[in-house]
Amino acid sequence: MSDEIHLATSDVIAIVNALLNHNGWASTRQVQVLSGVHRDTARRVLGELARHGWVAHASDGDADRWSLGPELIAIANAWTRALVAEQQRLRALFDLAQLPPAGAVRTEGPCPS
């Protein structure tokens, strides 16, 4: 991966994390400060993310405001549901593995009289 692509990827992650940690609408300046990304880069990335539904955008005249968009939240919810389902499946397999095989003779502990 080239350094340029790596830097761009880390900028996107920093901006999404800044919005996630802000809990609500944030100005471009707030996103820039929270993410540590250059102002022009933050605006460019936020605009691109908004075009794809990952970030919601609102303008109140002088300032742009940003929040996590519906597409990103839907992806996160689907991912969380998949993780929970996998955890439940693995737990059921683990519980099944703890049962003795059908017809097994107990070999541990005191012998029943």
PDB file of N, CA and C in Angstrom:
ATOM      1  N   MET A   1       0.858  -1.170   0.000  1.00  0.00           N
ATOM      2  CA  MET A   1       0.000   0.000   0.000  1.00  0.00           C
ATOM      3  C   MET A   1       0.903   1.231   0.000  1.00  0.00           C
ATOM      4  N   SER A   2       0.614   2.161  -0.863  1.00  0.00           N
ATOM      5  CA  SER A   2       1.453   3.357  -0.926  1.00  0.00           C
ATOM      6  C   SER A   2       1.208   4.231   0.301  1.00  0.00           C
ATOM      7  N   ASP A   3       2.189   5.057   0.613  1.00  0.00           N
ATOM      8  CA  ASP A   3       2.072   5.951   1.767  1.00  0.00           C
ATOM      9  C   ASP A   3       0.888   6.898   1.608  1.00  0.00           C
ATOM     10  N   GLU A   4       0.629   7.329   0.373  1.00  0.00           N
ATOM     11  CA  GLU A   4      -0.470   8.256   0.103  1.00  0.00           C
ATOM     12  C   GLU A   4      -1.822   7.611   0.412  1.00  0.00           C
ATOM     13  N   ILE A   5      -2.008   6.367  -0.028  1.00  0.00           N
ATOM     14  CA  ILE A   5      -3.256   5.653   0.231  1.00  0.00           C
ATOM     15  C   ILE A   5      -3.392   5.387   1.719  1.00  0.00           C
ATOM     16  N   HIS A   6      -2.309   4.982   2.366  1.00  0.00           N
ATOM     17  CA  HIS A   6      -2.334   4.711   3.802  1.00  0.00           C
ATOM     18  C   HIS A   6      -2.729   5.961   4.580  1.00  0.00           C
ATOM     19  N   LEU A   7      -2.165   7.117   4.224  1.00  0.00           N
ATOM     20  CA  LEU A   7      -2.479   8.368   4.899  1.00  0.00           C
ATOM     21  C   LEU A   7      -3.946   8.734   4.684  1.00  0.00           C
ATOM     22  N   ALA A   8      -4.448   8.574   3.454  1.00  0.00           N
ATOM     23  CA  ALA A   8      -5.849   8.888   3.168  1.00  0.00           C
ATOM     24  C   ALA A   8      -6.773   7.986   3.971  1.00  0.00           C
ATOM     25  N   THR A   9      -6.432   6.705   4.076  1.00  0.00           N
ATOM     26  CA  THR A   9      -7.244   5.766   4.849  1.00  0.00           C
ATOM     27  C   THR A   9      -7.255   6.160   6.322  1.00  0.00           C
ATOM     28  N   SER A  10      -6.119   6.528   6.860  1.00  0.00           N
ATOM     29  CA  SER A  10      -6.066   6.919   8.272  1.00  0.00           C
ATOM     30  C   SER A  10      -6.832   8.220   8.514  1.00  0.00           C
ATOM     31  N   ASP A  11      -6.856   9.119   7.525  1.00  0.00           N
ATOM     32  CA  ASP A  11      -7.649  10.352   7.655  1.00  0.00           C
ATOM     33  C   ASP A  11      -9.136  10.032   7.741  1.00  0.00           C
ATOM     34  N   VAL A  12      -9.605   9.123   6.900  1.00  0.00           N
ATOM     35  CA  VAL A  12     -11.017   8.736   6.921  1.00  0.00           C
ATOM     36  C   VAL A  12     -11.367   8.115   8.261  1.00  0.00           C
ATOM     37  N   ILE A  13     -10.540   7.217   8.739  1.00  0.00           N
ATOM     38  CA  ILE A  13     -10.784   6.571  10.029  1.00  0.00           C
ATOM     39  C   ILE A  13     -10.795   7.608  11.152  1.00  0.00           C
ATOM     40  N   ALA A  14      -9.855   8.538  11.129  1.00  0.00           N
ATOM     41  CA  ALA A  14      -9.794   9.578  12.164  1.00  0.00           C
ATOM     42  C   ALA A  14     -11.055  10.444  12.144  1.00  0.00           C
ATOM     43  N   ILE A  15     -11.536  10.784  10.953  1.00  0.00           N
ATOM     44  CA  ILE A  15     -12.726  11.633  10.842  1.00  0.00           C
ATOM     45  C   ILE A  15     -13.971  10.890  11.310  1.00  0.00           C
ATOM     46  N   VAL A  16     -14.136   9.635  10.901  1.00  0.00           N
ATOM     47  CA  VAL A  16     -15.295   8.853  11.344  1.00  0.00           C
ATOM     48  C   VAL A  16     -15.255   8.669  12.859  1.00  0.00           C
ATOM     49  N   ASN A  17     -14.078   8.388  13.414  1.00  0.00           N
ATOM     50  CA  ASN A  17     -13.958   8.251  14.875  1.00  0.00           C
ATOM     51  C   ASN A  17     -14.273   9.555  15.587  1.00  0.00           C
ATOM     52  N   ALA A  18     -13.848  10.680  15.009  1.00  0.00           N
ATOM     53  CA  ALA A  18     -14.149  11.978  15.617  1.00  0.00           C
ATOM     54  C   ALA A  18     -15.656  12.196  15.678  1.00  0.00           C
ATOM     55  N   LEU A  19     -16.367  11.877  14.605  1.00  0.00           N
ATOM     56  CA  LEU A  19     -17.821  12.027  14.600  1.00  0.00           C
ATOM     57  C   LEU A  19     -18.476  11.050  15.568  1.00  0.00           C
ATOM     58  N   LEU A  20     -17.976   9.837  15.617  1.00  0.00           N
ATOM     59  CA  LEU A  20     -18.519   8.833  16.522  1.00  0.00           C
ATOM     60  C   LEU A  20     -18.359   9.275  17.975  1.00  0.00           C
ATOM     61  N   ASN A  21     -17.193   9.789  18.315  1.00  0.00           N
ATOM     62  CA  ASN A  21     -16.929  10.217  19.692  1.00  0.00           C
ATOM     63  C   ASN A  21     -17.604  11.532  20.049  1.00  0.00           C
ATOM     64  N   HIS A  22     -17.979  12.311  19.045  1.00  0.00           N
ATOM     65  CA  HIS A  22     -18.616  13.601  19.313  1.00  0.00           C
ATOM     66  C   HIS A  22     -20.080  13.432  19.724  1.00  0.00           C
ATOM     67  N   ASN A  23     -20.725  12.359  19.317  1.00  0.00           N
ATOM     68  CA  ASN A  23     -22.123  12.080  19.664  1.00  0.00           C
ATOM     69  C   ASN A  23     -23.073  13.190  19.238  1.00  0.00           C
ATOM     70  N   GLY A  24     -23.247  13.347  17.972  1.00  0.00           N
ATOM     71  CA  GLY A  24     -24.181  14.346  17.464  1.00  0.00           C
ATOM     72  C   GLY A  24     -23.559  15.122  16.324  1.00  0.00           C
ATOM     73  N   TRP A  25     -24.080  16.291  16.086  1.00  0.00           N
ATOM     74  CA  TRP A  25     -23.600  17.127  14.996  1.00  0.00           C
ATOM     75  C   TRP A  25     -22.349  17.888  15.411  1.00  0.00           C
ATOM     76  N   ALA A  26     -21.387  17.958  14.501  1.00  0.00           N
ATOM     77  CA  ALA A  26     -20.136  18.670  14.764  1.00  0.00           C
ATOM     78  C   ALA A  26     -19.839  19.596  13.591  1.00  0.00           C
ATOM     79  N   SER A  27     -19.260  20.742  13.893  1.00  0.00           N
ATOM     80  CA  SER A  27     -18.848  21.656  12.833  1.00  0.00           C
ATOM     81  C   SER A  27     -17.597  21.106  12.153  1.00  0.00           C
ATOM     82  N   THR A  28     -17.301  21.636  10.981  1.00  0.00           N
ATOM     83  CA  THR A  28     -16.092  21.212  10.276  1.00  0.00           C
ATOM     84  C   THR A  28     -14.871  21.449  11.156  1.00  0.00           C
ATOM     85  N   ARG A  29     -14.849  22.575  11.843  1.00  0.00           N
ATOM     86  CA  ARG A  29     -13.717  22.902  12.730  1.00  0.00           C
ATOM     87  C   ARG A  29     -13.590  21.881  13.856  1.00  0.00           C
ATOM     88  N   GLN A  30     -14.720  21.494  14.455  1.00  0.00           N
ATOM     89  CA  GLN A  30     -14.677  20.499  15.527  1.00  0.00           C
ATOM     90  C   GLN A  30     -14.144  19.162  15.011  1.00  0.00           C
ATOM     91  N   VAL A  31     -14.609  18.760  13.823  1.00  0.00           N
ATOM     92  CA  VAL A  31     -14.127  17.507  13.234  1.00  0.00           C
ATOM     93  C   VAL A  31     -12.627  17.591  12.980  1.00  0.00           C
ATOM     94  N   GLN A  32     -12.190  18.725  12.464  1.00  0.00           N
ATOM     95  CA  GLN A  32     -10.771  18.913  12.180  1.00  0.00           C
ATOM     96  C   GLN A  32      -9.947  18.779  13.454  1.00  0.00           C
ATOM     97  N   VAL A  33     -10.366  19.443  14.506  1.00  0.00           N
ATOM     98  CA  VAL A  33      -9.617  19.418  15.770  1.00  0.00           C
ATOM     99  C   VAL A  33      -9.643  18.019  16.387  1.00  0.00           C
ATOM    100  N   LEU A  34     -10.834  17.402  16.422  1.00  0.00           N
ATOM    101  CA  LEU A  34     -10.962  16.082  17.041  1.00  0.00           C
ATOM    102  C   LEU A  34     -10.185  15.004  16.280  1.00  0.00           C
ATOM    103  N   SER A  35     -10.114  15.137  14.958  1.00  0.00           N
ATOM    104  CA  SER A  35      -9.458  14.112  14.146  1.00  0.00           C
ATOM    105  C   SER A  35      -7.970  14.375  13.929  1.00  0.00           C
ATOM    106  N   GLY A  36      -7.556  15.637  14.080  1.00  0.00           N
ATOM    107  CA  GLY A  36      -6.168  15.986  13.818  1.00  0.00           C
ATOM    108  C   GLY A  36      -5.832  16.034  12.338  1.00  0.00           C
ATOM    109  N   VAL A  37      -6.854  16.139  11.496  1.00  0.00           N
ATOM    110  CA  VAL A  37      -6.674  16.163  10.042  1.00  0.00           C
ATOM    111  C   VAL A  37      -6.687  17.621   9.579  1.00  0.00           C
ATOM    112  N   HIS A  38      -5.879  17.941   8.588  1.00  0.00           N
ATOM    113  CA  HIS A  38      -5.828  19.293   8.028  1.00  0.00           C
ATOM    114  C   HIS A  38      -7.223  19.737   7.586  1.00  0.00           C
ATOM    115  N   ARG A  39      -7.532  21.026   7.721  1.00  0.00           N
ATOM    116  CA  ARG A  39      -8.863  21.562   7.439  1.00  0.00           C
ATOM    117  C   ARG A  39      -9.360  21.225   6.038  1.00  0.00           C
ATOM    118  N   ASP A  40      -8.537  21.476   5.029  1.00  0.00           N
ATOM    119  CA  ASP A  40      -8.958  21.195   3.650  1.00  0.00           C
ATOM    120  C   ASP A  40      -9.180  19.699   3.423  1.00  0.00           C
ATOM    121  N   THR A  41      -8.331  18.895   4.012  1.00  0.00           N
ATOM    122  CA  THR A  41      -8.494  17.439   3.904  1.00  0.00           C
ATOM    123  C   THR A  41      -9.779  17.007   4.589  1.00  0.00           C
ATOM    124  N   ALA A  42     -10.047  17.559   5.766  1.00  0.00           N
ATOM    125  CA  ALA A  42     -11.280  17.222   6.490  1.00  0.00           C
ATOM    126  C   ALA A  42     -12.504  17.573   5.655  1.00  0.00           C
ATOM    127  N   ARG A  43     -12.529  18.747   5.070  1.00  0.00           N
ATOM    128  CA  ARG A  43     -13.680  19.143   4.241  1.00  0.00           C
ATOM    129  C   ARG A  43     -13.844  18.227   3.035  1.00  0.00           C
ATOM    130  N   ARG A  44     -12.738  17.904   2.386  1.00  0.00           N
ATOM    131  CA  ARG A  44     -12.794  17.037   1.205  1.00  0.00           C
ATOM    132  C   ARG A  44     -13.304  15.645   1.578  1.00  0.00           C
ATOM    133  N   VAL A  45     -12.761  15.068   2.651  1.00  0.00           N
ATOM    134  CA  VAL A  45     -13.161  13.730   3.079  1.00  0.00           C
ATOM    135  C   VAL A  45     -14.613  13.740   3.543  1.00  0.00           C
ATOM    136  N   LEU A  46     -15.013  14.745   4.318  1.00  0.00           N
ATOM    137  CA  LEU A  46     -16.397  14.822   4.777  1.00  0.00           C
ATOM    138  C   LEU A  46     -17.372  14.912   3.599  1.00  0.00           C
ATOM    139  N   GLY A  47     -17.020  15.712   2.609  1.00  0.00           N
ATOM    140  CA  GLY A  47     -17.868  15.824   1.419  1.00  0.00           C
ATOM    141  C   GLY A  47     -18.008  14.504   0.683  1.00  0.00           C
ATOM    142  N   GLU A  48     -16.907  13.798   0.554  1.00  0.00           N
ATOM    143  CA  GLU A  48     -16.942  12.491  -0.122  1.00  0.00           C
ATOM    144  C   GLU A  48     -17.758  11.485   0.682  1.00  0.00           C
ATOM    145  N   LEU A  49     -17.569  11.467   1.980  1.00  0.00           N
ATOM    146  CA  LEU A  49     -18.337  10.555   2.830  1.00  0.00           C
ATOM    147  C   LEU A  49     -19.831  10.887   2.773  1.00  0.00           C
ATOM    148  N   ALA A  50     -20.159  12.162   2.716  1.00  0.00           N
ATOM    149  CA  ALA A  50     -21.567  12.582   2.632  1.00  0.00           C
ATOM    150  C   ALA A  50     -22.190  12.122   1.314  1.00  0.00           C
ATOM    151  N   ARG A  51     -21.442  12.186   0.228  1.00  0.00           N
ATOM    152  CA  ARG A  51     -21.966  11.750  -1.073  1.00  0.00           C
ATOM    153  C   ARG A  51     -22.341  10.273  -1.070  1.00  0.00           C
ATOM    154  N   HIS A  52     -21.697   9.491  -0.216  1.00  0.00           N
ATOM    155  CA  HIS A  52     -21.956   8.050  -0.158  1.00  0.00           C
ATOM    156  C   HIS A  52     -22.871   7.652   1.006  1.00  0.00           C
ATOM    157  N   GLY A  53     -23.369   8.624   1.753  1.00  0.00           N
ATOM    158  CA  GLY A  53     -24.306   8.332   2.832  1.00  0.00           C
ATOM    159  C   GLY A  53     -23.679   7.934   4.151  1.00  0.00           C
ATOM    160  N   TRP A  54     -22.359   7.981   4.229  1.00  0.00           N
ATOM    161  CA  TRP A  54     -21.697   7.607   5.479  1.00  0.00           C
ATOM    162  C   TRP A  54     -21.750   8.732   6.496  1.00  0.00           C
ATOM    163  N   VAL A  55     -21.883   9.951   6.015  1.00  0.00           N
ATOM    164  CA  VAL A  55     -21.919  11.127   6.877  1.00  0.00           C
ATOM    165  C   VAL A  55     -23.108  11.979   6.443  1.00  0.00           C
ATOM    166  N   ALA A  56     -23.836  12.509   7.415  1.00  0.00           N
ATOM    167  CA  ALA A  56     -24.939  13.428   7.120  1.00  0.00           C
ATOM    168  C   ALA A  56     -24.399  14.850   7.182  1.00  0.00           C
ATOM    169  N   HIS A  57     -24.908  15.711   6.308  1.00  0.00           N
ATOM    170  CA  HIS A  57     -24.418  17.087   6.205  1.00  0.00           C
ATOM    171  C   HIS A  57     -25.591  18.053   6.321  1.00  0.00           C
ATOM    172  N   ALA A  58     -25.372  19.129   7.051  1.00  0.00           N
ATOM    173  CA  ALA A  58     -26.351  20.212   7.145  1.00  0.00           C
ATOM    174  C   ALA A  58     -25.584  21.526   7.162  1.00  0.00           C
ATOM    175  N   SER A  59     -26.170  22.535   6.536  1.00  0.00           N
ATOM    176  CA  SER A  59     -25.529  23.842   6.502  1.00  0.00           C
ATOM    177  C   SER A  59     -26.489  24.857   7.109  1.00  0.00           C
ATOM    178  N   ASP A  60     -25.989  25.643   8.047  1.00  0.00           N
ATOM    179  CA  ASP A  60     -26.835  26.672   8.656  1.00  0.00           C
ATOM    180  C   ASP A  60     -26.360  28.067   8.245  1.00  0.00           C
ATOM    181  N   GLY A  61     -26.022  28.200   6.994  1.00  0.00           N
ATOM    182  CA  GLY A  61     -25.586  29.494   6.470  1.00  0.00           C
ATOM    183  C   GLY A  61     -24.086  29.642   6.488  1.00  0.00           C
ATOM    184  N   ASP A  62     -23.539  29.960   7.644  1.00  0.00           N
ATOM    185  CA  ASP A  62     -22.102  30.208   7.759  1.00  0.00           C
ATOM    186  C   ASP A  62     -21.281  28.949   8.011  1.00  0.00           C
ATOM    187  N   ALA A  63     -21.880  27.963   8.641  1.00  0.00           N
ATOM    188  CA  ALA A  63     -21.102  26.789   9.045  1.00  0.00           C
ATOM    189  C   ALA A  63     -21.748  25.511   8.532  1.00  0.00           C
ATOM    190  N   ASP A  64     -20.891  24.553   8.192  1.00  0.00           N
ATOM    191  CA  ASP A  64     -21.359  23.217   7.842  1.00  0.00           C
ATOM    192  C   ASP A  64     -21.309  22.364   9.097  1.00  0.00           C
ATOM    193  N   ARG A  65     -22.288  21.488   9.221  1.00  0.00           N
ATOM    194  CA  ARG A  65     -22.339  20.576  10.358  1.00  0.00           C
ATOM    195  C   ARG A  65     -22.396  19.157   9.816  1.00  0.00           C
ATOM    196  N   TRP A  66     -21.802  18.233  10.572  1.00  0.00           N
ATOM    197  CA  TRP A  66     -21.653  16.856  10.127  1.00  0.00           C
ATOM    198  C   TRP A  66     -22.036  15.896  11.244  1.00  0.00           C
ATOM    199  N   SER A  67     -22.564  14.760  10.860  1.00  0.00           N
ATOM    200  CA  SER A  67     -22.912  13.702  11.806  1.00  0.00           C
ATOM    201  C   SER A  67     -22.769  12.362  11.080  1.00  0.00           C
ATOM    202  N   LEU A  68     -22.755  11.286  11.835  1.00  0.00           N
ATOM    203  CA  LEU A  68     -22.712   9.980  11.182  1.00  0.00           C
ATOM    204  C   LEU A  68     -23.968   9.806  10.345  1.00  0.00           C
ATOM    205  N   GLY A  69     -23.815   9.284   9.153  1.00  0.00           N
ATOM    206  CA  GLY A  69     -24.932   9.124   8.241  1.00  0.00           C
ATOM    207  C   GLY A  69     -25.632   7.789   8.403  1.00  0.00           C
ATOM    208  N   PRO A  70     -26.782   7.663   7.789  1.00  0.00           N
ATOM    209  CA  PRO A  70     -27.591   6.448   7.943  1.00  0.00           C
ATOM    210  C   PRO A  70     -26.925   5.202   7.361  1.00  0.00           C
ATOM    211  N   GLU A  71     -26.164   5.351   6.300  1.00  0.00           N
ATOM    212  CA  GLU A  71     -25.529   4.188   5.676  1.00  0.00           C
ATOM    213  C   GLU A  71     -24.483   3.573   6.603  1.00  0.00           C
ATOM    214  N   LEU A  72     -23.679   4.401   7.224  1.00  0.00           N
ATOM    215  CA  LEU A  72     -22.643   3.900   8.129  1.00  0.00           C
ATOM    216  C   LEU A  72     -23.275   3.237   9.352  1.00  0.00           C
ATOM    217  N   ILE A  73     -24.328   3.818   9.874  1.00  0.00           N
ATOM    218  CA  ILE A  73     -25.012   3.239  11.037  1.00  0.00           C
ATOM    219  C   ILE A  73     -25.639   1.899  10.663  1.00  0.00           C
ATOM    220  N   ALA A  74     -26.227   1.811   9.465  1.00  0.00           N
ATOM    221  CA  ALA A  74     -26.813   0.545   9.005  1.00  0.00           C
ATOM    222  C   ALA A  74     -25.745  -0.537   8.869  1.00  0.00           C
ATOM    223  N   ILE A  75     -24.585  -0.164   8.340  1.00  0.00           N
ATOM    224  CA  ILE A  75     -23.479  -1.119   8.207  1.00  0.00           C
ATOM    225  C   ILE A  75     -23.032  -1.586   9.593  1.00  0.00           C
ATOM    226  N   ALA A  76     -22.904  -0.662  10.519  1.00  0.00           N
ATOM    227  CA  ALA A  76     -22.481  -1.015  11.884  1.00  0.00           C
ATOM    228  C   ALA A  76     -23.498  -1.926  12.557  1.00  0.00           C
ATOM    229  N   ASN A  77     -24.789  -1.640  12.378  1.00  0.00           N
ATOM    230  CA  ASN A  77     -25.830  -2.476  12.980  1.00  0.00           C
ATOM    231  C   ASN A  77     -25.821  -3.876  12.391  1.00  0.00           C
ATOM    232  N   ALA A  78     -25.663  -3.988  11.076  1.00  0.00           N
ATOM    233  CA  ALA A  78     -25.619  -5.301  10.429  1.00  0.00           C
ATOM    234  C   ALA A  78     -24.395  -6.088  10.902  1.00  0.00           C
ATOM    235  N   TRP A  79     -23.272  -5.407  11.031  1.00  0.00           N
ATOM    236  CA  TRP A  79     -22.050  -6.047  11.494  1.00  0.00           C
ATOM    237  C   TRP A  79     -22.214  -6.542  12.931  1.00  0.00           C
ATOM    238  N   THR A  80     -22.838  -5.723  13.768  1.00  0.00           N
ATOM    239  CA  THR A  80     -23.068  -6.110  15.158  1.00  0.00           C
ATOM    240  C   THR A  80     -23.989  -7.325  15.233  1.00  0.00           C
ATOM    241  N   ARG A  81     -25.067  -7.330  14.430  1.00  0.00           N
ATOM    242  CA  ARG A  81     -25.968  -8.488  14.411  1.00  0.00           C
ATOM    243  C   ARG A  81     -25.227  -9.754  13.974  1.00  0.00           C
ATOM    244  N   ALA A  82     -24.356  -9.637  12.984  1.00  0.00           N
ATOM    245  CA  ALA A  82     -23.590 -10.794  12.511  1.00  0.00           C
ATOM    246  C   ALA A  82     -22.643 -11.305  13.606  1.00  0.00           C
ATOM    247  N   LEU A  83     -22.010 -10.388  14.331  1.00  0.00           N
ATOM    248  CA  LEU A  83     -21.114 -10.795  15.420  1.00  0.00           C
ATOM    249  C   LEU A  83     -21.880 -11.502  16.530  1.00  0.00           C
ATOM    250  N   VAL A  84     -23.037 -10.984  16.899  1.00  0.00           N
ATOM    251  CA  VAL A  84     -23.846 -11.606  17.953  1.00  0.00           C
ATOM    252  C   VAL A  84     -24.294 -12.994  17.520  1.00  0.00           C
ATOM    253  N   ALA A  85     -24.745 -13.140  16.268  1.00  0.00           N
ATOM    254  CA  ALA A  85     -25.181 -14.444  15.761  1.00  0.00           C
ATOM    255  C   ALA A  85     -24.022 -15.441  15.782  1.00  0.00           C
ATOM    256  N   GLU A  86     -22.839 -15.009  15.383  1.00  0.00           N
ATOM    257  CA  GLU A  86     -21.671 -15.888  15.392  1.00  0.00           C
ATOM    258  C   GLU A  86     -21.290 -16.270  16.817  1.00  0.00           C
ATOM    259  N   GLN A  87     -21.368 -15.340  17.733  1.00  0.00           N
ATOM    260  CA  GLN A  87     -21.060 -15.636  19.132  1.00  0.00           C
ATOM    261  C   GLN A  87     -22.050 -16.670  19.676  1.00  0.00           C
ATOM    262  N   GLN A  88     -23.321 -16.530  19.346  1.00  0.00           N
ATOM    263  CA  GLN A  88     -24.327 -17.489  19.807  1.00  0.00           C
ATOM    264  C   GLN A  88     -24.089 -18.871  19.189  1.00  0.00           C
ATOM    265  N   ARG A  89     -23.710 -18.914  17.918  1.00  0.00           N
ATOM    266  CA  ARG A  89     -23.425 -20.182  17.252  1.00  0.00           C
ATOM    267  C   ARG A  89     -22.231 -20.880  17.906  1.00  0.00           C
ATOM    268  N   LEU A  90     -21.184 -20.108  18.167  1.00  0.00           N
ATOM    269  CA  LEU A  90     -19.998 -20.691  18.799  1.00  0.00           C
ATOM    270  C   LEU A  90     -20.290 -21.150  20.221  1.00  0.00           C
ATOM    271  N   ARG A  91     -21.118 -20.404  20.928  1.00  0.00           N
ATOM    272  CA  ARG A  91     -21.485 -20.788  22.296  1.00  0.00           C
ATOM    273  C   ARG A  91     -22.265 -22.092  22.292  1.00  0.00           C
ATOM    274  N   ALA A  92     -23.184 -22.244  21.331  1.00  0.00           N
ATOM    275  CA  ALA A  92     -23.952 -23.483  21.227  1.00  0.00           C
ATOM    276  C   ALA A  92     -23.032 -24.666  20.914  1.00  0.00           C
ATOM    277  N   LEU A  93     -22.049 -24.471  20.033  1.00  0.00           N
ATOM    278  CA  LEU A  93     -21.085 -25.535  19.730  1.00  0.00           C
ATOM    279  C   LEU A  93     -20.243 -25.882  20.952  1.00  0.00           C
ATOM    280  N   PHE A  94     -19.825 -24.877  21.688  1.00  0.00           N
ATOM    281  CA  PHE A  94     -19.044 -25.112  22.898  1.00  0.00           C
ATOM    282  C   PHE A  94     -19.858 -25.891  23.919  1.00  0.00           C
ATOM    283  N   ASP A  95     -21.107 -25.478  24.121  1.00  0.00           N
ATOM    284  CA  ASP A  95     -21.975 -26.172  25.077  1.00  0.00           C
ATOM    285  C   ASP A  95     -22.193 -27.627  24.655  1.00  0.00           C
ATOM    286  N   LEU A  96     -22.373 -27.850  23.355  1.00  0.00           N
ATOM    287  CA  LEU A  96     -22.566 -29.206  22.849  1.00  0.00           C
ATOM    288  C   LEU A  96     -21.310 -30.044  23.068  1.00  0.00           C
ATOM    289  N   ALA A  97     -20.155 -29.445  22.899  1.00  0.00           N
ATOM    290  CA  ALA A  97     -18.899 -30.174  23.080  1.00  0.00           C
ATOM    291  C   ALA A  97     -18.675 -30.565  24.537  1.00  0.00           C
ATOM    292  N   GLN A  98     -19.307 -29.897  25.460  1.00  0.00           N
ATOM    293  CA  GLN A  98     -19.139 -30.197  26.879  1.00  0.00           C
ATOM    294  C   GLN A  98     -19.965 -31.408  27.320  1.00  0.00           C
ATOM    295  N   LEU A  99     -20.939 -31.794  26.516  1.00  0.00           N
ATOM    296  CA  LEU A  99     -21.777 -32.944  26.864  1.00  0.00           C
ATOM    297  C   LEU A  99     -21.027 -34.230  26.563  1.00  0.00           C
ATOM    298  N   PRO A 100     -21.211 -35.259  27.415  1.00  0.00           N
ATOM    299  CA  PRO A 100     -20.575 -36.542  27.102  1.00  0.00           C
ATOM    300  C   PRO A 100     -21.275 -37.171  25.898  1.00  0.00           C
ATOM    301  N   PRO A 101     -20.558 -37.956  25.127  1.00  0.00           N
ATOM    302  CA  PRO A 101     -21.178 -38.621  23.975  1.00  0.00           C
ATOM    303  C   PRO A 101     -22.307 -39.542  24.439  1.00  0.00           C
ATOM    304  N   ALA A 102     -23.279 -39.746  23.583  1.00  0.00           N
ATOM    305  CA  ALA A 102     -24.403 -40.625  23.916  1.00  0.00           C
ATOM    306  C   ALA A 102     -23.865 -42.025  24.212  1.00  0.00           C
ATOM    307  N   GLY A 103     -24.307 -42.613  25.309  1.00  0.00           N
ATOM    308  CA  GLY A 103     -23.895 -43.966  25.685  1.00  0.00           C
ATOM    309  C   GLY A 103     -22.534 -44.037  26.332  1.00  0.00           C
ATOM    310  N   ALA A 104     -21.932 -42.917  26.638  1.00  0.00           N
ATOM    311  CA  ALA A 104     -20.603 -42.928  27.247  1.00  0.00           C
ATOM    312  C   ALA A 104     -20.680 -43.396  28.683  1.00  0.00           C
ATOM    313  N   VAL A 105     -19.629 -44.053  29.110  1.00  0.00           N
ATOM    314  CA  VAL A 105     -19.532 -44.523  30.489  1.00  0.00           C
ATOM    315  C   VAL A 105     -18.686 -43.527  31.251  1.00  0.00           C
ATOM    316  N   ARG A 106     -19.150 -43.151  32.416  1.00  0.00           N
ATOM    317  CA  ARG A 106     -18.427 -42.205  33.237  1.00  0.00           C
ATOM    318  C   ARG A 106     -17.159 -42.846  33.773  1.00  0.00           C
ATOM    319  N   THR A 107     -16.022 -42.224  33.558  1.00  0.00           N
ATOM    320  CA  THR A 107     -14.744 -42.786  34.002  1.00  0.00           C
ATOM    321  C   THR A 107     -14.075 -41.952  35.075  1.00  0.00           C
ATOM    322  N   GLU A 108     -14.625 -40.817  35.398  1.00  0.00           N
ATOM    323  CA  GLU A 108     -14.028 -39.954  36.418  1.00  0.00           C
ATOM    324  C   GLU A 108     -14.882 -39.951  37.661  1.00  0.00           C
ATOM    325  N   GLY A 109     -14.276 -39.630  38.767  1.00  0.00           N
ATOM    326  CA  GLY A 109     -15.017 -39.476  40.021  1.00  0.00           C
ATOM    327  C   GLY A 109     -15.318 -40.821  40.664  1.00  0.00           C
ATOM    328  N   PRO A 110     -16.031 -40.767  41.773  1.00  0.00           N
ATOM    329  CA  PRO A 110     -16.332 -42.011  42.501  1.00  0.00           C
ATOM    330  C   PRO A 110     -17.286 -42.910  41.690  1.00  0.00           C
ATOM    331  N   CYS A 111     -17.108 -44.186  41.851  1.00  0.00           N
ATOM    332  CA  CYS A 111     -17.975 -45.140  41.154  1.00  0.00           C
ATOM    333  C   CYS A 111     -19.327 -45.188  41.860  1.00  0.00           C
ATOM    334  N   PRO A 112     -20.384 -45.204  41.083  1.00  0.00           N
ATOM    335  CA  PRO A 112     -21.702 -45.321  41.724  1.00  0.00           C
ATOM    336  C   PRO A 112     -21.887 -46.721  42.299  1.00  0.00           C
ATOM    337  N   SER A 113     -22.521 -46.802  43.470  1.00  0.00           N
ATOM    338  CA  SER A 113     -22.701 -48.133  44.084  1.00  0.00           C
ATOM    339  C   SER A 113     -24.064 -48.681  43.834  1.00  0.00           C
TER     340      SER A 113
END
